[in-house]
PDB file of N, CA and C in Angstrom:
ATOM      1  N   MET A   1     -54.636 221.179  66.631  1.00  0.00           N
ATOM      2  CA  MET A   1     -56.003 221.018  65.271  1.00  0.00           C
ATOM      3  C   MET A   1     -56.540 219.860  65.529  1.00  0.00           C
ATOM      4  N   GLY A   2     -58.412 219.770  65.146  1.00  0.00           N
ATOM      5  CA  GLY A   2     -58.981 218.833  65.288  1.00  0.00           C
ATOM      6  C   GLY A   2     -59.246 217.943  63.977  1.00  0.00           C
ATOM      7  N   LYS A   3     -59.476 216.816  64.261  1.00  0.00           N
ATOM      8  CA  LYS A   3     -59.687 216.166  63.049  1.00  0.00           C
ATOM      9  C   LYS A   3     -60.891 216.140  62.330  1.00  0.00           C
ATOM     10  N   ARG A   4     -60.819 215.899  60.944  1.00  0.00           N
ATOM     11  CA  ARG A   4     -61.922 216.033  59.885  1.00  0.00           C
ATOM     12  C   ARG A   4     -62.884 214.772  59.974  1.00  0.00           C
ATOM     13  N   LYS A   5     -64.066 215.189  59.899  1.00  0.00           N
ATOM     14  CA  LYS A   5     -65.116 214.259  60.721  1.00  0.00           C
ATOM     15  C   LYS A   5     -65.388 213.370  59.282  1.00  0.00           C
ATOM     16  N   SER A   6     -65.532 211.693  59.747  1.00  0.00           N
ATOM     17  CA  SER A   6     -65.457 210.917  58.364  1.00  0.00           C
ATOM     18  C   SER A   6     -67.176 210.619  58.410  1.00  0.00           C
ATOM     19  N   ARG A   7     -67.570 210.326  57.089  1.00  0.00           N
ATOM     20  CA  ARG A   7     -68.778 210.681  56.588  1.00  0.00           C
ATOM     21  C   ARG A   7     -68.649 209.417  56.970  1.00  0.00           C
ATOM     22  N   ALA A   8     -69.406 208.294  57.749  1.00  0.00           N
ATOM     23  CA  ALA A   8     -69.511 207.137  58.000  1.00  0.00           C
ATOM     24  C   ALA A   8     -71.050 207.290  57.483  1.00  0.00           C
ATOM     25  N   LYS A   9     -71.251 206.117  56.627  1.00  0.00           N
ATOM     26  CA  LYS A   9     -72.976 205.761  56.250  1.00  0.00           C
ATOM     27  C   LYS A   9     -73.935 205.201  57.574  1.00  0.00           C
ATOM     28  N   PRO A  10     -74.603 205.146  57.581  1.00  0.00           N
ATOM     29  CA  PRO A  10     -75.740 204.912  58.755  1.00  0.00           C
ATOM     30  C   PRO A  10     -76.103 203.496  58.354  1.00  0.00           C
ATOM     31  N   PRO A  11     -75.976 202.599  59.118  1.00  0.00           N
ATOM     32  CA  PRO A  11     -76.363 200.905  59.206  1.00  0.00           C
ATOM     33  C   PRO A  11     -77.636 200.839  58.359  1.00  0.00           C
ATOM     34  N   PRO A  12     -77.911 200.268  57.326  1.00  0.00           N
ATOM     35  CA  PRO A  12     -78.850 199.670  56.635  1.00  0.00           C
ATOM     36  C   PRO A  12     -80.015 199.479  57.705  1.00  0.00           C
ATOM     37  N   LYS A  13     -80.917 199.616  57.272  1.00  0.00           N
ATOM     38  CA  LYS A  13     -82.394 199.590  57.944  1.00  0.00           C
ATOM     39  C   LYS A  13     -82.595 197.755  57.831  1.00  0.00           C
ATOM     40  N   LYS A  14     -82.786 196.829  59.143  1.00  0.00           N
ATOM     41  CA  LYS A  14     -83.049 196.060  59.253  1.00  0.00           C
ATOM     42  C   LYS A  14     -84.827 195.519  58.737  1.00  0.00           C
ATOM     43  N   ARG A  15     -84.445 194.511  57.488  1.00  0.00           N
ATOM     44  CA  ARG A  15     -85.998 194.502  56.945  1.00  0.00           C
ATOM     45  C   ARG A  15     -86.775 193.433  57.872  1.00  0.00           C
ATOM     46  N   THR A  16     -88.467 193.613  58.719  1.00  0.00           N
ATOM     47  CA  THR A  16     -88.356 192.502  59.435  1.00  0.00           C
ATOM     48  C   THR A  16     -89.749 192.110  58.311  1.00  0.00           C
ATOM     49  N   ASP A  17     -89.873 190.588  58.236  1.00  0.00           N
ATOM     50  CA  ASP A  17     -91.034 189.837  57.359  1.00  0.00           C
ATOM     51  C   ASP A  17     -92.021 190.036  58.165  1.00  0.00           C
ATOM     52  N   ARG A  18     -93.946 190.641  57.711  1.00  0.00           N
ATOM     53  CA  ARG A  18     -94.515 190.623  58.341  1.00  0.00           C
ATOM     54  C   ARG A  18     -95.335 189.142  58.419  1.00  0.00           C
ATOM     55  N   LEU A  19     -95.987 188.401  59.841  1.00  0.00           N
ATOM     56  CA  LEU A  19     -96.059 187.305  59.571  1.00  0.00           C
ATOM     57  C   LEU A  19     -97.736 187.205  59.098  1.00  0.00           C
ATOM     58  N   ASP A  20     -97.967 186.309  58.943  1.00  0.00           N
ATOM     59  CA  ASP A  20    -100.205 185.824  58.669  1.00  0.00           C
ATOM     60  C   ASP A  20    -100.223 186.231  59.234  1.00  0.00           C
ATOM     61  N   THR A  21    -101.614 186.808  58.992  1.00  0.00           N
ATOM     62  CA  THR A  21    -102.613 187.316  60.240  1.00  0.00           C
ATOM     63  C   THR A  21    -104.224 186.048  59.883  1.00  0.00           C
ATOM     64  N   VAL A  22    -104.098 185.980  58.571  1.00  0.00           N
ATOM     65  CA  VAL A  22    -105.573 185.011  57.879  1.00  0.00           C
ATOM     66  C   VAL A  22    -104.830 183.291  57.662  1.00  0.00           C
ATOM     67  N   PHE A  23    -105.899 182.528  57.718  1.00  0.00           N
ATOM     68  CA  PHE A  23    -105.115 181.100  57.783  1.00  0.00           C
ATOM     69  C   PHE A  23    -105.939 180.438  56.896  1.00  0.00           C
ATOM     70  N   SER A  24    -105.929 178.904  56.575  1.00  0.00           N
ATOM     71  CA  SER A  24    -106.691 177.721  56.201  1.00  0.00           C
ATOM     72  C   SER A  24    -107.347 177.468  57.602  1.00  0.00           C
ATOM     73  N   CYS A  25    -108.267 177.385  56.774  1.00  0.00           N
ATOM     74  CA  CYS A  25    -109.411 176.236  58.159  1.00  0.00           C
ATOM     75  C   CYS A  25    -109.197 174.954  58.399  1.00  0.00           C
ATOM     76  N   PRO A  26    -108.847 174.448  59.587  1.00  0.00           N
ATOM     77  CA  PRO A  26    -109.124 172.671  59.625  1.00  0.00           C
ATOM     78  C   PRO A  26    -110.292 171.990  59.634  1.00  0.00           C
ATOM     79  N   PHE A  27    -111.232 172.709  59.758  1.00  0.00           N
ATOM     80  CA  PHE A  27    -112.652 172.059  59.650  1.00  0.00           C
ATOM     81  C   PHE A  27    -112.822 171.690  57.908  1.00  0.00           C
ATOM     82  N   CYS A  28    -113.098 173.015  57.094  1.00  0.00           N
ATOM     83  CA  CYS A  28    -113.802 173.095  56.105  1.00  0.00           C
ATOM     84  C   CYS A  28    -113.049 173.057  54.809  1.00  0.00           C
ATOM     85  N   ASN A  29    -111.744 173.773  55.097  1.00  0.00           N
ATOM     86  CA  ASN A  29    -110.480 173.344  54.567  1.00  0.00           C
ATOM     87  C   ASN A  29    -110.442 175.066  53.346  1.00  0.00           C
ATOM     88  N   HIS A  30    -111.176 175.485  53.788  1.00  0.00           N
ATOM     89  CA  HIS A  30    -111.117 176.614  52.516  1.00  0.00           C
ATOM     90  C   HIS A  30    -110.504 177.769  53.405  1.00  0.00           C
ATOM     91  N   GLY A  31    -109.597 178.161  52.297  1.00  0.00           N
ATOM     92  CA  GLY A  31    -108.050 179.295  52.270  1.00  0.00           C
ATOM     93  C   GLY A  31    -108.336 180.485  52.782  1.00  0.00           C
ATOM     94  N   THR A  32    -107.840 181.060  53.625  1.00  0.00           N
ATOM     95  CA  THR A  32    -107.752 182.468  53.915  1.00  0.00           C
ATOM     96  C   THR A  32    -109.027 182.799  54.728  1.00  0.00           C
ATOM     97  N   SER A  33    -109.864 181.505  55.348  1.00  0.00           N
ATOM     98  CA  SER A  33    -111.059 181.737  56.481  1.00  0.00           C
ATOM     99  C   SER A  33    -111.047 181.963  57.700  1.00  0.00           C
ATOM    100  N   VAL A  34    -109.809 181.771  58.317  1.00  0.00           N
ATOM    101  CA  VAL A  34    -109.292 182.077  59.560  1.00  0.00           C
ATOM    102  C   VAL A  34    -108.981 183.105  60.009  1.00  0.00           C
ATOM    103  N   GLU A  35    -109.571 184.099  60.498  1.00  0.00           N
ATOM    104  CA  GLU A  35    -109.127 185.248  61.371  1.00  0.00           C
ATOM    105  C   GLU A  35    -108.545 185.388  62.983  1.00  0.00           C
ATOM    106  N   CYS A  36    -107.639 185.521  63.227  1.00  0.00           N
ATOM    107  CA  CYS A  36    -107.175 185.662  64.293  1.00  0.00           C
ATOM    108  C   CYS A  36    -107.254 187.122  65.060  1.00  0.00           C
ATOM    109  N   ARG A  37    -107.582 187.050  66.507  1.00  0.00           N
ATOM    110  CA  ARG A  37    -108.036 188.352  67.217  1.00  0.00           C
ATOM    111  C   ARG A  37    -107.420 188.225  68.137  1.00  0.00           C
ATOM    112  N   LEU A  38    -106.527 189.063  68.883  1.00  0.00           N
ATOM    113  CA  LEU A  38    -105.924 189.434  69.838  1.00  0.00           C
ATOM    114  C   LEU A  38    -106.148 190.162  70.844  1.00  0.00           C
ATOM    115  N   ASP A  39    -107.141 190.047  72.043  1.00  0.00           N
ATOM    116  CA  ASP A  39    -107.303 191.130  73.318  1.00  0.00           C
ATOM    117  C   ASP A  39    -106.956 191.067  74.194  1.00  0.00           C
ATOM    118  N   MET A  40    -105.949 191.799  73.808  1.00  0.00           N
ATOM    119  CA  MET A  40    -104.523 192.681  74.863  1.00  0.00           C
ATOM    120  C   MET A  40    -105.236 192.623  76.447  1.00  0.00           C
ATOM    121  N   LYS A  41    -106.288 193.483  76.319  1.00  0.00           N
ATOM    122  CA  LYS A  41    -107.242 193.732  77.157  1.00  0.00           C
ATOM    123  C   LYS A  41    -107.634 192.620  78.058  1.00  0.00           C
ATOM    124  N   ASN A  42    -108.170 191.800  77.760  1.00  0.00           N
ATOM    125  CA  ASN A  42    -108.399 190.263  78.464  1.00  0.00           C
ATOM    126  C   ASN A  42    -107.514 189.323  78.596  1.00  0.00           C
ATOM    127  N   LEU A  43    -106.913 189.162  77.974  1.00  0.00           N
ATOM    128  CA  LEU A  43    -105.185 188.522  77.481  1.00  0.00           C
ATOM    129  C   LEU A  43    -105.790 186.955  76.881  1.00  0.00           C
ATOM    130  N   ILE A  44    -106.743 187.477  75.616  1.00  0.00           N
ATOM    131  CA  ILE A  44    -107.952 186.321  74.958  1.00  0.00           C
ATOM    132  C   ILE A  44    -107.341 186.496  73.599  1.00  0.00           C
ATOM    133  N   GLY A  45    -107.047 185.132  73.157  1.00  0.00           N
ATOM    134  CA  GLY A  45    -107.004 184.947  71.787  1.00  0.00           C
ATOM    135  C   GLY A  45    -107.826 184.011  70.548  1.00  0.00           C
ATOM    136  N   GLU A  46    -108.312 184.579  69.653  1.00  0.00           N
ATOM    137  CA  GLU A  46    -109.465 183.793  69.589  1.00  0.00           C
ATOM    138  C   GLU A  46    -109.504 183.794  67.612  1.00  0.00           C
ATOM    139  N   ALA A  47    -109.642 182.435  67.367  1.00  0.00           N
ATOM    140  CA  ALA A  47    -109.504 181.898  66.159  1.00  0.00           C
ATOM    141  C   ALA A  47    -110.549 181.455  65.556  1.00  0.00           C
ATOM    142  N   VAL A  48    -111.455 182.640  64.173  1.00  0.00           N
ATOM    143  CA  VAL A  48    -112.803 182.242  63.792  1.00  0.00           C
ATOM    144  C   VAL A  48    -112.285 181.923  62.655  1.00  0.00           C
ATOM    145  N   CYS A  49    -113.525 181.079  61.618  1.00  0.00           N
ATOM    146  CA  CYS A  49    -113.834 180.865  60.395  1.00  0.00           C
ATOM    147  C   CYS A  49    -114.696 181.125  60.065  1.00  0.00           C
ATOM    148  N   GLY A  50    -114.189 182.451  59.185  1.00  0.00           N
ATOM    149  CA  GLY A  50    -115.725 183.052  58.446  1.00  0.00           C
ATOM    150  C   GLY A  50    -116.615 182.123  57.772  1.00  0.00           C
ATOM    151  N   ILE A  51    -116.084 180.988  57.242  1.00  0.00           N
ATOM    152  CA  ILE A  51    -116.855 180.287  56.387  1.00  0.00           C
ATOM    153  C   ILE A  51    -117.799 179.236  57.044  1.00  0.00           C
ATOM    154  N   CYS A  52    -117.345 178.552  58.034  1.00  0.00           N
ATOM    155  CA  CYS A  52    -117.898 177.310  58.891  1.00  0.00           C
ATOM    156  C   CYS A  52    -118.627 177.645  60.150  1.00  0.00           C
ATOM    157  N   GLN A  53    -117.485 179.081  60.709  1.00  0.00           N
ATOM    158  CA  GLN A  53    -117.865 179.538  62.124  1.00  0.00           C
ATOM    159  C   GLN A  53    -117.178 178.866  63.607  1.00  0.00           C
ATOM    160  N   GLU A  54    -116.785 178.079  62.632  1.00  0.00           N
ATOM    161  CA  GLU A  54    -115.789 177.245  64.190  1.00  0.00           C
ATOM    162  C   GLU A  54    -115.003 178.186  64.646  1.00  0.00           C
ATOM    163  N   SER A  55    -114.808 178.144  65.788  1.00  0.00           N
ATOM    164  CA  SER A  55    -113.802 178.699  66.659  1.00  0.00           C
ATOM    165  C   SER A  55    -113.100 178.516  67.677  1.00  0.00           C
ATOM    166  N   PHE A  56    -111.904 178.974  67.985  1.00  0.00           N
ATOM    167  CA  PHE A  56    -111.023 178.685  69.210  1.00  0.00           C
ATOM    168  C   PHE A  56    -110.657 179.907  69.764  1.00  0.00           C
ATOM    169  N   SER A  57    -110.452 179.424  71.512  1.00  0.00           N
ATOM    170  CA  SER A  57    -110.168 180.769  72.316  1.00  0.00           C
ATOM    171  C   SER A  57    -109.202 180.186  73.274  1.00  0.00           C
ATOM    172  N   THR A  58    -107.910 180.629  73.937  1.00  0.00           N
ATOM    173  CA  THR A  58    -107.429 180.366  74.230  1.00  0.00           C
ATOM    174  C   THR A  58    -106.425 181.886  75.032  1.00  0.00           C
ATOM    175  N   THR A  59    -105.658 181.277  76.080  1.00  0.00           N
ATOM    176  CA  THR A  59    -105.002 182.566  76.064  1.00  0.00           C
ATOM    177  C   THR A  59    -103.878 183.012  76.439  1.00  0.00           C
ATOM    178  N   ILE A  60    -103.263 184.336  76.099  1.00  0.00           N
ATOM    179  CA  ILE A  60    -102.233 184.871  75.526  1.00  0.00           C
ATOM    180  C   ILE A  60    -101.679 185.796  76.427  1.00  0.00           C
ATOM    181  N   THR A  61    -100.113 185.680  75.791  1.00  0.00           N
ATOM    182  CA  THR A  61     -99.350 186.505  76.681  1.00  0.00           C
ATOM    183  C   THR A  61     -99.110 188.027  75.527  1.00  0.00           C
ATOM    184  N   ALA A  62     -98.628 188.898  75.938  1.00  0.00           N
ATOM    185  CA  ALA A  62     -97.890 190.231  75.603  1.00  0.00           C
ATOM    186  C   ALA A  62     -97.140 189.386  74.301  1.00  0.00           C
ATOM    187  N   LEU A  63     -96.232 188.630  74.147  1.00  0.00           N
ATOM    188  CA  LEU A  63     -94.909 187.953  73.255  1.00  0.00           C
ATOM    189  C   LEU A  63     -96.099 187.415  72.090  1.00  0.00           C
ATOM    190  N   THR A  64     -97.575 186.933  72.138  1.00  0.00           N
ATOM    191  CA  THR A  64     -98.076 186.414  71.518  1.00  0.00           C
ATOM    192  C   THR A  64     -98.727 187.009  69.920  1.00  0.00           C
ATOM    193  N   GLU A  65     -98.493 185.865  68.692  1.00  0.00           N
ATOM    194  CA  GLU A  65     -98.692 186.377  67.738  1.00  0.00           C
ATOM    195  C   GLU A  65     -99.877 185.622  67.133  1.00  0.00           C
ATOM    196  N   ALA A  66    -100.626 186.245  65.987  1.00  0.00           N
ATOM    197  CA  ALA A  66    -101.699 185.121  65.320  1.00  0.00           C
ATOM    198  C   ALA A  66    -101.616 183.968  64.826  1.00  0.00           C
ATOM    199  N   ILE A  67    -100.179 184.067  64.377  1.00  0.00           N
ATOM    200  CA  ILE A  67     -99.570 182.395  64.477  1.00  0.00           C
ATOM    201  C   ILE A  67     -99.571 181.383  65.399  1.00  0.00           C
ATOM    202  N   ASP A  68     -99.510 181.739  66.472  1.00  0.00           N
ATOM    203  CA  ASP A  68     -99.349 181.110  67.545  1.00  0.00           C
ATOM    204  C   ASP A  68    -100.498 180.585  67.693  1.00  0.00           C
ATOM    205  N   ILE A  69    -101.556 181.734  68.159  1.00  0.00           N
ATOM    206  CA  ILE A  69    -102.651 180.886  68.336  1.00  0.00           C
ATOM    207  C   ILE A  69    -103.587 180.061  67.319  1.00  0.00           C
ATOM    208  N   TYR A  70    -103.440 180.179  66.213  1.00  0.00           N
ATOM    209  CA  TYR A  70    -103.716 179.593  65.006  1.00  0.00           C
ATOM    210  C   TYR A  70    -102.402 177.483  64.997  1.00  0.00           C
ATOM    211  N   SER A  71    -101.272 177.796  65.504  1.00  0.00           N
ATOM    212  CA  SER A  71    -100.589 176.657  65.904  1.00  0.00           C
ATOM    213  C   SER A  71    -101.210 175.709  67.068  1.00  0.00           C
ATOM    214  N   GLU A  72    -101.784 176.394  67.936  1.00  0.00           N
ATOM    215  CA  GLU A  72    -102.040 175.678  69.198  1.00  0.00           C
ATOM    216  C   GLU A  72    -103.862 175.210  69.008  1.00  0.00           C
ATOM    217  N   TRP A  73    -104.314 175.672  68.093  1.00  0.00           N
ATOM    218  CA  TRP A  73    -105.505 175.412  67.821  1.00  0.00           C
ATOM    219  C   TRP A  73    -105.491 173.977  66.807  1.00  0.00           C
ATOM    220  N   ILE A  74    -104.442 173.954  65.669  1.00  0.00           N
ATOM    221  CA  ILE A  74    -104.160 172.662  65.145  1.00  0.00           C
ATOM    222  C   ILE A  74    -103.572 171.616  65.782  1.00  0.00           C
ATOM    223  N   ASP A  75    -102.873 171.893  66.899  1.00  0.00           N
ATOM    224  CA  ASP A  75    -102.034 171.102  67.866  1.00  0.00           C
ATOM    225  C   ASP A  75    -103.061 170.730  68.494  1.00  0.00           C
ATOM    226  N   GLU A  76    -104.188 171.017  69.182  1.00  0.00           N
ATOM    227  CA  GLU A  76    -105.385 170.810  70.469  1.00  0.00           C
ATOM    228  C   GLU A  76    -106.755 169.921  69.210  1.00  0.00           C
ATOM    229  N   CYS A  77    -106.170 170.104  67.696  1.00  0.00           N
ATOM    230  CA  CYS A  77    -107.430 169.049  66.977  1.00  0.00           C
ATOM    231  C   CYS A  77    -106.587 168.023  66.404  1.00  0.00           C
ATOM    232  N   GLU A  78    -105.548 167.882  66.513  1.00  0.00           N
ATOM    233  CA  GLU A  78    -104.346 166.636  66.063  1.00  0.00           C
ATOM    234  C   GLU A  78    -104.474 165.764  67.468  1.00  0.00           C
ATOM    235  N   ARG A  79    -104.621 166.255  68.833  1.00  0.00           N
ATOM    236  CA  ARG A  79    -104.687 165.997  69.648  1.00  0.00           C
ATOM    237  C   ARG A  79    -105.956 165.015  70.149  1.00  0.00           C
ATOM    238  N   VAL A  80    -107.159 165.956  70.058  1.00  0.00           N
ATOM    239  CA  VAL A  80    -108.310 165.260  69.942  1.00  0.00           C
ATOM    240  C   VAL A  80    -108.526 164.436  68.669  1.00  0.00           C
ATOM    241  N   ASN A  81    -107.905 164.729  67.638  1.00  0.00           N
ATOM    242  CA  ASN A  81    -108.406 163.378  66.381  1.00  0.00           C
ATOM    243  C   ASN A  81    -107.276 161.843  67.453  1.00  0.00           C
ATOM    244  N   ASN A  82    -105.972 162.140  67.634  1.00  0.00           N
ATOM    245  CA  ASN A  82    -105.411 161.136  68.315  1.00  0.00           C
ATOM    246  C   ASN A  82    -105.785 160.592  69.555  1.00  0.00           C
ATOM    247  N   VAL A  83    -106.420 161.081  70.518  1.00  0.00           N
ATOM    248  CA  VAL A  83    -107.644 160.580  71.322  1.00  0.00           C
ATOM    249  C   VAL A  83    -108.429 159.614  71.373  1.00  0.00           C
ATOM    250  N   GLU A  84    -109.034 160.067  69.984  1.00  0.00           N
ATOM    251  CA  GLU A  84    -110.248 159.415  69.313  1.00  0.00           C
ATOM    252  C   GLU A  84    -109.765 158.117  68.568  1.00  0.00           C
ATOM    253  N   ASP A  85    -108.908 158.505  67.972  1.00  0.00           N
ATOM    254  CA  ASP A  85    -107.952 156.951  67.224  1.00  0.00           C
ATOM    255  C   ASP A  85    -107.790 156.040  68.282  1.00  0.00           C
ATOM    256  N   ASP A  86    -106.530 156.063  69.617  1.00  0.00           N
ATOM    257  CA  ASP A  86    -106.728 155.520  70.244  1.00  0.00           C
ATOM    258  C   ASP A  86    -107.943 155.032  71.376  1.00  0.00           C
ATOM    259  N   GLY A  87    -109.017 154.953  71.621  1.00  0.00           N
ATOM    260  CA  GLY A  87    -110.233 154.998  72.234  1.00  0.00           C
ATOM    261  C   GLY A  87    -111.009 154.001  71.434  1.00  0.00           C
ATOM    262  N   ALA A  88    -111.359 154.054  70.184  1.00  0.00           N
ATOM    263  CA  ALA A  88    -112.284 153.632  69.253  1.00  0.00           C
ATOM    264  C   ALA A  88    -110.952 151.895  68.945  1.00  0.00           C
TER     265      ALA A  88
END
């Protein structure tokens, strides 16, 4: 004789929170003005401010997200500011 089939509940779906794609500009300090674009064909990521037209470009990989490009831009701004402070 066969066993009765158990009524197992399916596992709950994992909820993934979306990362931000628009950020505040480090130059004009305007909120939600920086938009990040990922060009996977040419492996270039670009962050552009819609208000002051400042931009930053970097090379990307398949795992790169918009927050990574923005973080690199902020790190580069801090690095340039620290070099200017040390030299002056």
